[in-house]
Amino acid sequence: MDKAALEALNARFGGENERTIYDEGFASVAQKLFNPAGTRVAPYAGLPTFLALPYRPVDWSAPDLSGLDVALMGVPMDLGVTNRNGSRFGPRAVRAIERIGPYNHVLKTVPGTDLACADIGDIPFRSRFNLDQSHEDIEAAAAKVVAAGVLPLFVGGDHSISLPTLRAVGAARPVGMIHIDAHCDTSGPFDGTKFHHGGPFRQAVLDGVLDPSRTIQIGIRGSSEYLWEFSYESGMSVIHAEELETMGLDAVVARARAVVGDGPTYVSFDIDSLDPAFAPGTGTPEIGGLTSREAQAILRGLAGIDIVGGDVVEVAPQYDATTNTAHAGAQMLFEILSLVPFRPR
């Protein structure tokens, strides 16, 4: 290195200037995260919460959500699974992941400080054995969050939790949806129940809370295609995993944005949308899925949609000794949260 150049670097970044950040954008991020002494809370310190956000316990009989823009909730319920159970442990596993965010360098936001966000704990259940009753409990809690004018983000739990959350979010008017998954989840009844994790979006449409013409399902693949007739008949848009390479991610994002338009939109992310190489810890893994980077690119491309709620589901940590699945789930939760500052409102 040229001696003069080295001296210039030392003058700019050494001595009393060692902690100086000259870029205005980077400096504004650091000011939000570091105290005047130049330190921040260690990622492994304290009690684990979703994305290391503040914990704000609520009394569900009369929840006080004042001052919040976004409430993150655990939904530890997997009574609707058709294969391997265990996603009831998903919220706890996602909370335990450290070093997610706080800065989204692509969208240039620190959602945890750009918004008033909190982990408000888990939705309370009256019984761990009754699926229908559990859905009632989820809907009741979600409705209280929506009524308070707070945007809800849910961490499941199996994908059946999306039916009661959509009933709450779409109660005033049907919403559109961007659904990233290996499965369409629009099948009919299984073993005497229509409330399993393979059919929440069929029921949401029939309940009048989900607009199929404003719904797109991305990453669909596997041997269950014969179950998804309802998606096509109702007018949903379906992009199979095999189409991603030929379409390109930019075209996928453009199609998703065109489908949901300017209307209120729910974002649902099933961790089994990722290939098992990236997320083996789930109940219904399907080979040939998205990479974690592809999933991030799709979610980041949605900035500016009118997001009104969302979920990350089907993390079953006991099938993944590496914790990669929970790590991916936490990252996708962060990407969804990062969309909220860009809502057109």
Protein backbone atom coordinates (compact mmCIF):
# COMPACT_ATOMS: atom_id res chain seq x y z
CA MET A 1 0.00 0.00 0.00
CA ASP A 2 1.14 3.51 -0.77
CA LYS A 3 2.50 5.14 2.41
CA ALA A 4 0.51 8.32 1.91
CA ALA A 5 -2.70 6.31 1.43
CA LEU A 6 -2.01 4.38 4.63
CA GLU A 7 -1.42 7.58 6.54
CA ALA A 8 -4.67 8.98 5.19
CA LEU A 9 -6.56 5.87 6.32
CA ASN A 10 -5.00 6.11 9.78
CA ALA A 11 -5.96 9.77 10.01
CA ARG A 12 -9.55 9.03 9.01
CA PHE A 13 -10.14 5.79 10.90
CA GLY A 14 -7.49 5.61 13.61
CA GLY A 15 -6.93 7.20 16.99
CA GLU A 16 -9.83 9.35 18.15
CA ASN A 17 -11.72 8.48 14.95
CA GLU A 18 -11.74 4.72 15.50
CA ARG A 19 -15.46 4.68 16.27
CA THR A 20 -16.45 7.28 13.68
CA ILE A 21 -18.83 6.11 10.93
CA TYR A 22 -18.86 8.64 8.10
CA ASP A 23 -21.61 7.22 5.92
CA GLU A 24 -24.83 8.92 7.05
CA GLY A 25 -26.96 5.85 6.48
CA PHE A 26 -24.65 3.51 8.37
CA ALA A 27 -24.19 6.08 11.14
CA SER A 28 -27.95 6.38 11.66
CA VAL A 29 -28.21 2.59 12.05
CA ALA A 30 -25.35 2.48 14.57
CA GLN A 31 -26.91 5.29 16.59
CA LYS A 32 -30.07 3.23 16.96
CA LEU A 33 -28.22 0.13 18.12
CA PHE A 34 -25.20 1.22 20.18
CA ASN A 35 -25.14 3.21 23.40
CA PRO A 36 -22.81 6.22 23.85
CA ALA A 37 -20.09 3.93 25.20
CA GLY A 38 -20.10 2.01 21.92
CA THR A 39 -21.65 -1.22 23.18
CA ARG A 40 -24.90 -3.06 22.60
CA VAL A 41 -26.59 -5.98 24.29
CA ALA A 42 -24.87 -9.28 23.47
CA PRO A 43 -27.02 -11.48 21.21
CA TYR A 44 -26.73 -14.38 23.65
CA ALA A 45 -27.66 -12.36 26.76
CA GLY A 46 -31.04 -12.04 28.44
CA LEU A 47 -34.26 -13.94 27.89
CA PRO A 48 -34.89 -15.06 24.29
CA THR A 49 -37.67 -13.32 22.37
CA PHE A 50 -38.63 -13.21 18.71
CA LEU A 51 -35.86 -11.29 16.90
CA ALA A 52 -34.56 -10.06 20.28
CA LEU A 53 -37.48 -7.63 20.46
CA PRO A 54 -38.79 -6.36 23.79
CA TYR A 55 -41.05 -8.75 25.67
CA ARG A 56 -44.44 -7.29 26.53
CA PRO A 57 -46.69 -9.79 28.29
CA VAL A 58 -50.39 -9.12 27.98
CA ASP A 59 -53.48 -10.00 29.96
CA TRP A 60 -55.52 -11.66 27.23
CA SER A 61 -58.77 -10.95 29.08
CA ALA A 62 -58.09 -7.24 28.54
CA PRO A 63 -54.90 -6.84 26.49
CA ASP A 64 -53.15 -3.47 26.55
CA LEU A 65 -51.44 -3.09 23.16
CA SER A 66 -51.23 0.70 23.22
CA GLY A 67 -48.26 2.21 21.44
CA LEU A 68 -47.48 -0.89 19.39
CA ASP A 69 -47.26 -1.02 15.61
CA VAL A 70 -46.53 -4.77 15.40
CA ALA A 71 -47.18 -7.63 17.82
CA LEU A 72 -45.36 -10.94 17.38
CA MET A 73 -47.07 -13.98 18.89
CA GLY A 74 -46.19 -17.62 19.33
CA VAL A 75 -48.81 -20.20 18.36
CA PRO A 76 -47.49 -23.50 19.79
CA MET A 77 -50.16 -25.81 18.37
CA ASP A 78 -49.73 -28.70 15.91
CA LEU A 79 -52.94 -30.69 16.25
CA GLY A 80 -53.59 -30.30 12.52
CA VAL A 81 -50.58 -32.17 11.13
CA THR A 82 -50.95 -35.03 8.67
CA ASN A 83 -47.38 -36.37 8.93
CA ARG A 84 -44.71 -35.61 11.56
CA ASN A 85 -45.75 -33.52 14.53
CA GLY A 86 -43.47 -31.25 16.57
CA SER A 87 -44.09 -27.74 15.24
CA ARG A 88 -45.64 -26.95 18.60
CA PHE A 89 -42.01 -26.41 19.61
CA GLY A 90 -41.45 -24.01 16.72
CA PRO A 91 -42.04 -20.72 18.54
CA ARG A 92 -39.61 -21.61 21.31
CA ALA A 93 -36.96 -22.68 18.80
CA VAL A 94 -37.34 -19.51 16.73
CA ARG A 95 -37.06 -17.35 19.85
CA ALA A 96 -33.79 -19.05 20.78
CA ILE A 97 -32.05 -18.05 17.53
CA GLU A 98 -29.60 -15.19 17.92
CA ARG A 99 -27.99 -12.78 15.42
CA ILE A 100 -30.99 -12.20 13.16
CA GLY A 101 -31.05 -8.57 12.10
CA PRO A 102 -31.42 -5.99 13.46
CA TYR A 103 -30.43 -4.25 10.19
CA ASN A 104 -31.86 -5.31 6.84
CA HIS A 105 -29.07 -4.19 4.52
CA VAL A 106 -31.12 -4.75 1.35
CA LEU A 107 -34.21 -2.80 2.42
CA LYS A 108 -32.13 -0.45 4.57
CA THR A 109 -34.36 -0.63 7.60
CA VAL A 110 -33.99 -1.49 11.26
CA PRO A 111 -37.58 -2.63 11.79
CA GLY A 112 -37.15 -3.17 15.51
CA THR A 113 -36.47 0.55 15.98
CA ASP A 114 -38.24 1.96 12.93
CA LEU A 115 -41.43 0.43 14.35
CA ALA A 116 -42.81 -0.09 17.83
CA CYS A 117 -42.60 -3.91 18.00
CA ALA A 118 -42.86 -6.42 20.81
CA ASP A 119 -43.04 -10.13 21.44
CA ILE A 120 -46.30 -10.42 23.36
CA GLY A 121 -45.89 -14.09 24.25
CA ASP A 122 -47.91 -17.12 23.20
CA ILE A 123 -51.59 -17.28 22.41
CA PRO A 124 -53.29 -19.03 25.34
CA PHE A 125 -55.06 -22.32 24.70
CA ARG A 126 -57.83 -23.84 26.81
CA SER A 127 -56.84 -27.36 25.81
CA ARG A 128 -53.82 -29.01 24.20
CA PHE A 129 -56.04 -31.77 22.73
CA ASN A 130 -58.91 -30.01 20.93
CA LEU A 131 -58.14 -28.70 17.43
CA ASP A 132 -61.41 -26.86 16.81
CA GLN A 133 -61.26 -25.19 20.20
CA SER A 134 -57.64 -24.21 19.62
CA HIS A 135 -58.65 -22.48 16.39
CA GLU A 136 -61.29 -20.57 18.33
CA ASP A 137 -58.65 -19.46 20.83
CA ILE A 138 -56.30 -18.31 18.05
CA GLU A 139 -59.03 -16.34 16.30
CA ALA A 140 -60.16 -14.68 19.54
CA ALA A 141 -56.63 -13.55 20.44
CA ALA A 142 -55.82 -12.43 16.90
CA ALA A 143 -59.06 -10.45 16.72
CA LYS A 144 -58.07 -8.49 19.83
CA VAL A 145 -54.76 -7.54 18.26
CA VAL A 146 -56.43 -6.48 15.02
CA ALA A 147 -59.09 -4.51 16.91
CA ALA A 148 -56.32 -2.59 18.66
CA GLY A 149 -54.99 -1.45 15.27
CA VAL A 150 -51.81 -3.49 15.67
CA LEU A 151 -50.36 -5.56 12.84
CA PRO A 152 -50.07 -9.23 13.92
CA LEU A 153 -47.24 -11.63 13.04
CA PHE A 154 -47.68 -15.23 14.12
CA VAL A 155 -45.10 -17.98 14.62
CA GLY A 156 -46.49 -21.50 14.53
CA GLY A 157 -47.30 -24.17 14.97
CA ASP A 158 -48.72 -26.02 11.98
CA HIS A 159 -50.24 -24.28 8.98
CA SER A 160 -53.79 -24.81 10.18
CA ILE A 161 -53.23 -21.76 12.40
CA SER A 162 -53.54 -19.56 9.29
CA LEU A 163 -57.29 -20.20 9.09
CA PRO A 164 -58.19 -18.55 12.41
CA THR A 165 -55.65 -15.76 11.89
CA LEU A 166 -57.15 -14.98 8.49
CA ARG A 167 -60.62 -15.02 10.02
CA ALA A 168 -59.45 -12.24 12.31
CA VAL A 169 -57.39 -10.26 9.81
CA GLY A 170 -60.00 -10.61 7.05
CA ALA A 171 -63.11 -10.11 9.17
CA ALA A 172 -63.78 -6.58 7.93
CA ARG A 173 -63.00 -7.42 4.26
CA PRO A 174 -61.38 -10.34 2.46
CA VAL A 175 -57.62 -9.98 2.11
CA GLY A 176 -55.20 -11.09 -0.57
CA MET A 177 -52.32 -13.40 0.23
CA ILE A 178 -48.76 -14.18 -0.81
CA HIS A 179 -48.26 -17.79 0.23
CA ILE A 180 -44.79 -19.38 0.01
CA ASP A 181 -44.98 -23.12 0.54
CA ALA A 182 -44.36 -26.57 -0.90
CA HIS A 183 -48.09 -27.27 -0.72
CA CYS A 184 -51.18 -25.27 -1.73
CA ASP A 185 -53.03 -26.27 1.47
CA THR A 186 -56.42 -26.11 -0.24
CA SER A 187 -57.52 -29.74 0.11
CA GLY A 188 -60.77 -31.09 1.48
CA PRO A 189 -61.37 -32.96 4.74
CA PHE A 190 -58.88 -35.49 6.13
CA ASP A 191 -59.96 -38.20 8.57
CA GLY A 192 -63.17 -36.43 9.49
CA THR A 193 -61.90 -32.88 9.86
CA LYS A 194 -61.57 -29.97 7.45
CA PHE A 195 -59.39 -27.94 9.82
CA HIS A 196 -56.06 -29.73 9.26
CA HIS A 197 -52.90 -28.04 7.97
CA GLY A 198 -53.52 -29.17 4.39
CA GLY A 199 -56.68 -27.11 3.90
CA PRO A 200 -56.69 -23.74 5.72
CA PHE A 201 -56.85 -21.61 2.60
CA ARG A 202 -59.77 -23.50 1.09
CA GLN A 203 -61.75 -22.82 4.25
CA ALA A 204 -60.60 -19.19 4.40
CA VAL A 205 -61.96 -18.59 0.91
CA LEU A 206 -65.24 -20.35 1.72
CA ASP A 207 -65.50 -18.28 4.90
CA GLY A 208 -65.22 -15.11 2.83
CA VAL A 209 -62.04 -13.82 4.51
CA LEU A 210 -59.54 -14.64 1.73
CA ASP A 211 -59.88 -13.38 -1.86
CA PRO A 212 -58.66 -16.15 -4.19
CA SER A 213 -58.29 -13.76 -7.12
CA ARG A 214 -55.71 -11.86 -5.04
CA THR A 215 -53.89 -14.96 -3.79
CA ILE A 216 -50.65 -16.36 -5.17
CA GLN A 217 -48.94 -19.57 -4.04
CA ILE A 218 -45.20 -19.88 -4.72
CA GLY A 219 -42.88 -22.91 -4.55
CA ILE A 220 -45.53 -25.62 -4.89
CA ARG A 221 -44.19 -29.12 -5.60
CA GLY A 222 -44.35 -32.76 -4.53
CA SER A 223 -46.77 -35.63 -4.86
CA SER A 224 -49.88 -33.92 -3.46
CA GLU A 225 -50.76 -31.92 -6.58
CA TYR A 226 -53.99 -33.91 -7.03
CA LEU A 227 -55.30 -32.33 -3.81
CA TRP A 228 -55.04 -28.71 -4.99
CA GLU A 229 -57.93 -28.49 -7.46
CA PHE A 230 -59.56 -25.80 -5.33
CA SER A 231 -56.64 -23.43 -5.91
CA TYR A 232 -57.17 -23.52 -9.66
CA GLU A 233 -60.99 -23.58 -9.59
CA SER A 234 -61.21 -20.63 -7.20
CA GLY A 235 -58.84 -18.47 -9.27
CA MET A 236 -55.65 -18.55 -7.21
CA SER A 237 -52.34 -18.12 -9.01
CA VAL A 238 -49.92 -21.02 -8.53
CA ILE A 239 -46.20 -20.96 -9.30
CA HIS A 240 -44.56 -24.36 -8.99
CA ALA A 241 -41.01 -24.74 -7.76
CA GLU A 242 -40.04 -26.12 -11.17
CA GLU A 243 -41.02 -22.81 -12.78
CA LEU A 244 -38.80 -20.62 -10.62
CA GLU A 245 -35.63 -21.19 -12.61
CA THR A 246 -37.21 -20.52 -15.99
CA MET A 247 -39.26 -17.54 -14.80
CA GLY A 248 -36.52 -15.93 -12.72
CA LEU A 249 -37.04 -14.36 -9.32
CA ASP A 250 -37.74 -10.89 -10.69
CA ALA A 251 -40.66 -12.26 -12.70
CA VAL A 252 -41.96 -14.20 -9.69
CA VAL A 253 -41.91 -11.06 -7.55
CA ALA A 254 -43.54 -9.01 -10.31
CA ARG A 255 -46.29 -11.62 -10.65
CA ALA A 256 -46.90 -11.66 -6.89
CA ARG A 257 -47.14 -7.88 -6.73
CA ALA A 258 -49.51 -7.82 -9.71
CA VAL A 259 -51.78 -10.45 -8.15
CA VAL A 260 -52.20 -8.75 -4.77
CA GLY A 261 -52.22 -5.24 -6.20
CA ASP A 262 -52.77 -2.36 -3.81
CA GLY A 263 -55.18 -4.17 -1.49
CA PRO A 264 -54.62 -5.52 2.03
CA THR A 265 -52.37 -8.58 1.91
CA TYR A 266 -51.42 -11.38 4.28
CA VAL A 267 -48.01 -13.07 3.92
CA SER A 268 -47.80 -16.74 4.91
CA PHE A 269 -44.44 -18.54 4.90
CA ASP A 270 -44.26 -22.29 5.42
CA ILE A 271 -40.70 -23.38 6.22
CA ASP A 272 -41.16 -26.46 4.03
CA SER A 273 -41.10 -24.11 1.03
CA LEU A 274 -37.33 -24.35 1.49
CA ASP A 275 -35.52 -27.41 0.22
CA PRO A 276 -34.76 -29.90 3.04
CA ALA A 277 -31.07 -29.14 2.47
CA PHE A 278 -31.80 -25.78 4.10
CA ALA A 279 -34.70 -26.72 6.40
CA PRO A 280 -34.98 -30.42 7.28
CA GLY A 281 -36.80 -29.70 10.53
CA THR A 282 -40.39 -29.75 9.35
CA GLY A 283 -43.29 -32.16 9.26
CA THR A 284 -43.75 -32.55 5.50
CA PRO A 285 -40.38 -32.00 3.77
CA GLU A 286 -40.34 -31.93 -0.05
CA ILE A 287 -37.22 -32.25 -2.18
CA GLY A 288 -36.66 -29.62 -4.88
CA GLY A 289 -37.52 -26.49 -2.95
CA LEU A 290 -36.35 -22.93 -2.67
CA THR A 291 -32.95 -21.97 -1.36
CA SER A 292 -32.91 -19.69 1.64
CA ARG A 293 -31.45 -16.92 -0.54
CA GLU A 294 -34.26 -17.28 -3.10
CA ALA A 295 -36.84 -17.04 -0.34
CA GLN A 296 -35.19 -13.91 1.03
CA ALA A 297 -35.13 -12.32 -2.42
CA ILE A 298 -38.84 -13.00 -2.94
CA LEU A 299 -39.80 -11.56 0.43
CA ARG A 300 -37.58 -8.49 0.05
CA GLY A 301 -39.12 -7.88 -3.36
CA LEU A 302 -42.49 -7.37 -1.72
CA ALA A 303 -41.56 -4.09 -0.05
CA GLY A 304 -44.39 -1.62 -0.57
CA ILE A 305 -47.31 -4.06 -0.54
CA ASP A 306 -50.11 -3.32 1.92
CA ILE A 307 -49.16 -6.02 4.40
CA VAL A 308 -51.76 -6.44 7.16
CA GLY A 309 -50.45 -9.59 8.86
CA GLY A 310 -48.37 -12.67 8.37
CA ASP A 311 -47.02 -15.92 9.73
CA VAL A 312 -44.08 -18.32 9.70
CA VAL A 313 -45.13 -21.91 10.32
CA GLU A 314 -44.14 -25.58 10.44
CA VAL A 315 -40.73 -25.31 12.13
CA ALA A 316 -40.31 -28.67 13.91
CA PRO A 317 -36.89 -28.34 15.54
CA GLN A 318 -36.45 -31.90 16.78
CA TYR A 319 -35.85 -33.11 13.20
CA ASP A 320 -32.86 -30.80 12.76
CA ALA A 321 -29.88 -31.16 15.09
CA THR A 322 -28.12 -28.24 13.37
CA THR A 323 -30.83 -25.65 14.29
CA ASN A 324 -30.68 -24.48 10.65
CA THR A 325 -34.44 -24.78 10.23
CA ALA A 326 -35.22 -22.56 13.21
CA HIS A 327 -32.52 -20.16 12.00
CA ALA A 328 -34.18 -19.97 8.59
CA GLY A 329 -37.57 -19.48 10.22
CA ALA A 330 -36.29 -16.60 12.33
CA GLN A 331 -34.69 -15.00 9.27
CA MET A 332 -37.92 -15.23 7.26
CA LEU A 333 -39.81 -13.73 10.19
CA PHE A 334 -37.34 -10.84 10.13
CA GLU A 335 -37.81 -10.40 6.38
CA ILE A 336 -41.59 -10.21 6.81
CA LEU A 337 -41.24 -7.73 9.68
CA SER A 338 -38.92 -5.67 7.45
CA LEU A 339 -41.79 -5.18 4.97
CA VAL A 340 -43.96 -3.36 7.49
CA PRO A 341 -42.14 0.02 7.45
CA PHE A 342 -42.84 0.25 3.69
CA ARG A 343 -46.62 -0.15 3.91
CA PRO A 344 -48.48 2.54 1.95
CA ARG A 345 -50.08 4.06 5.02
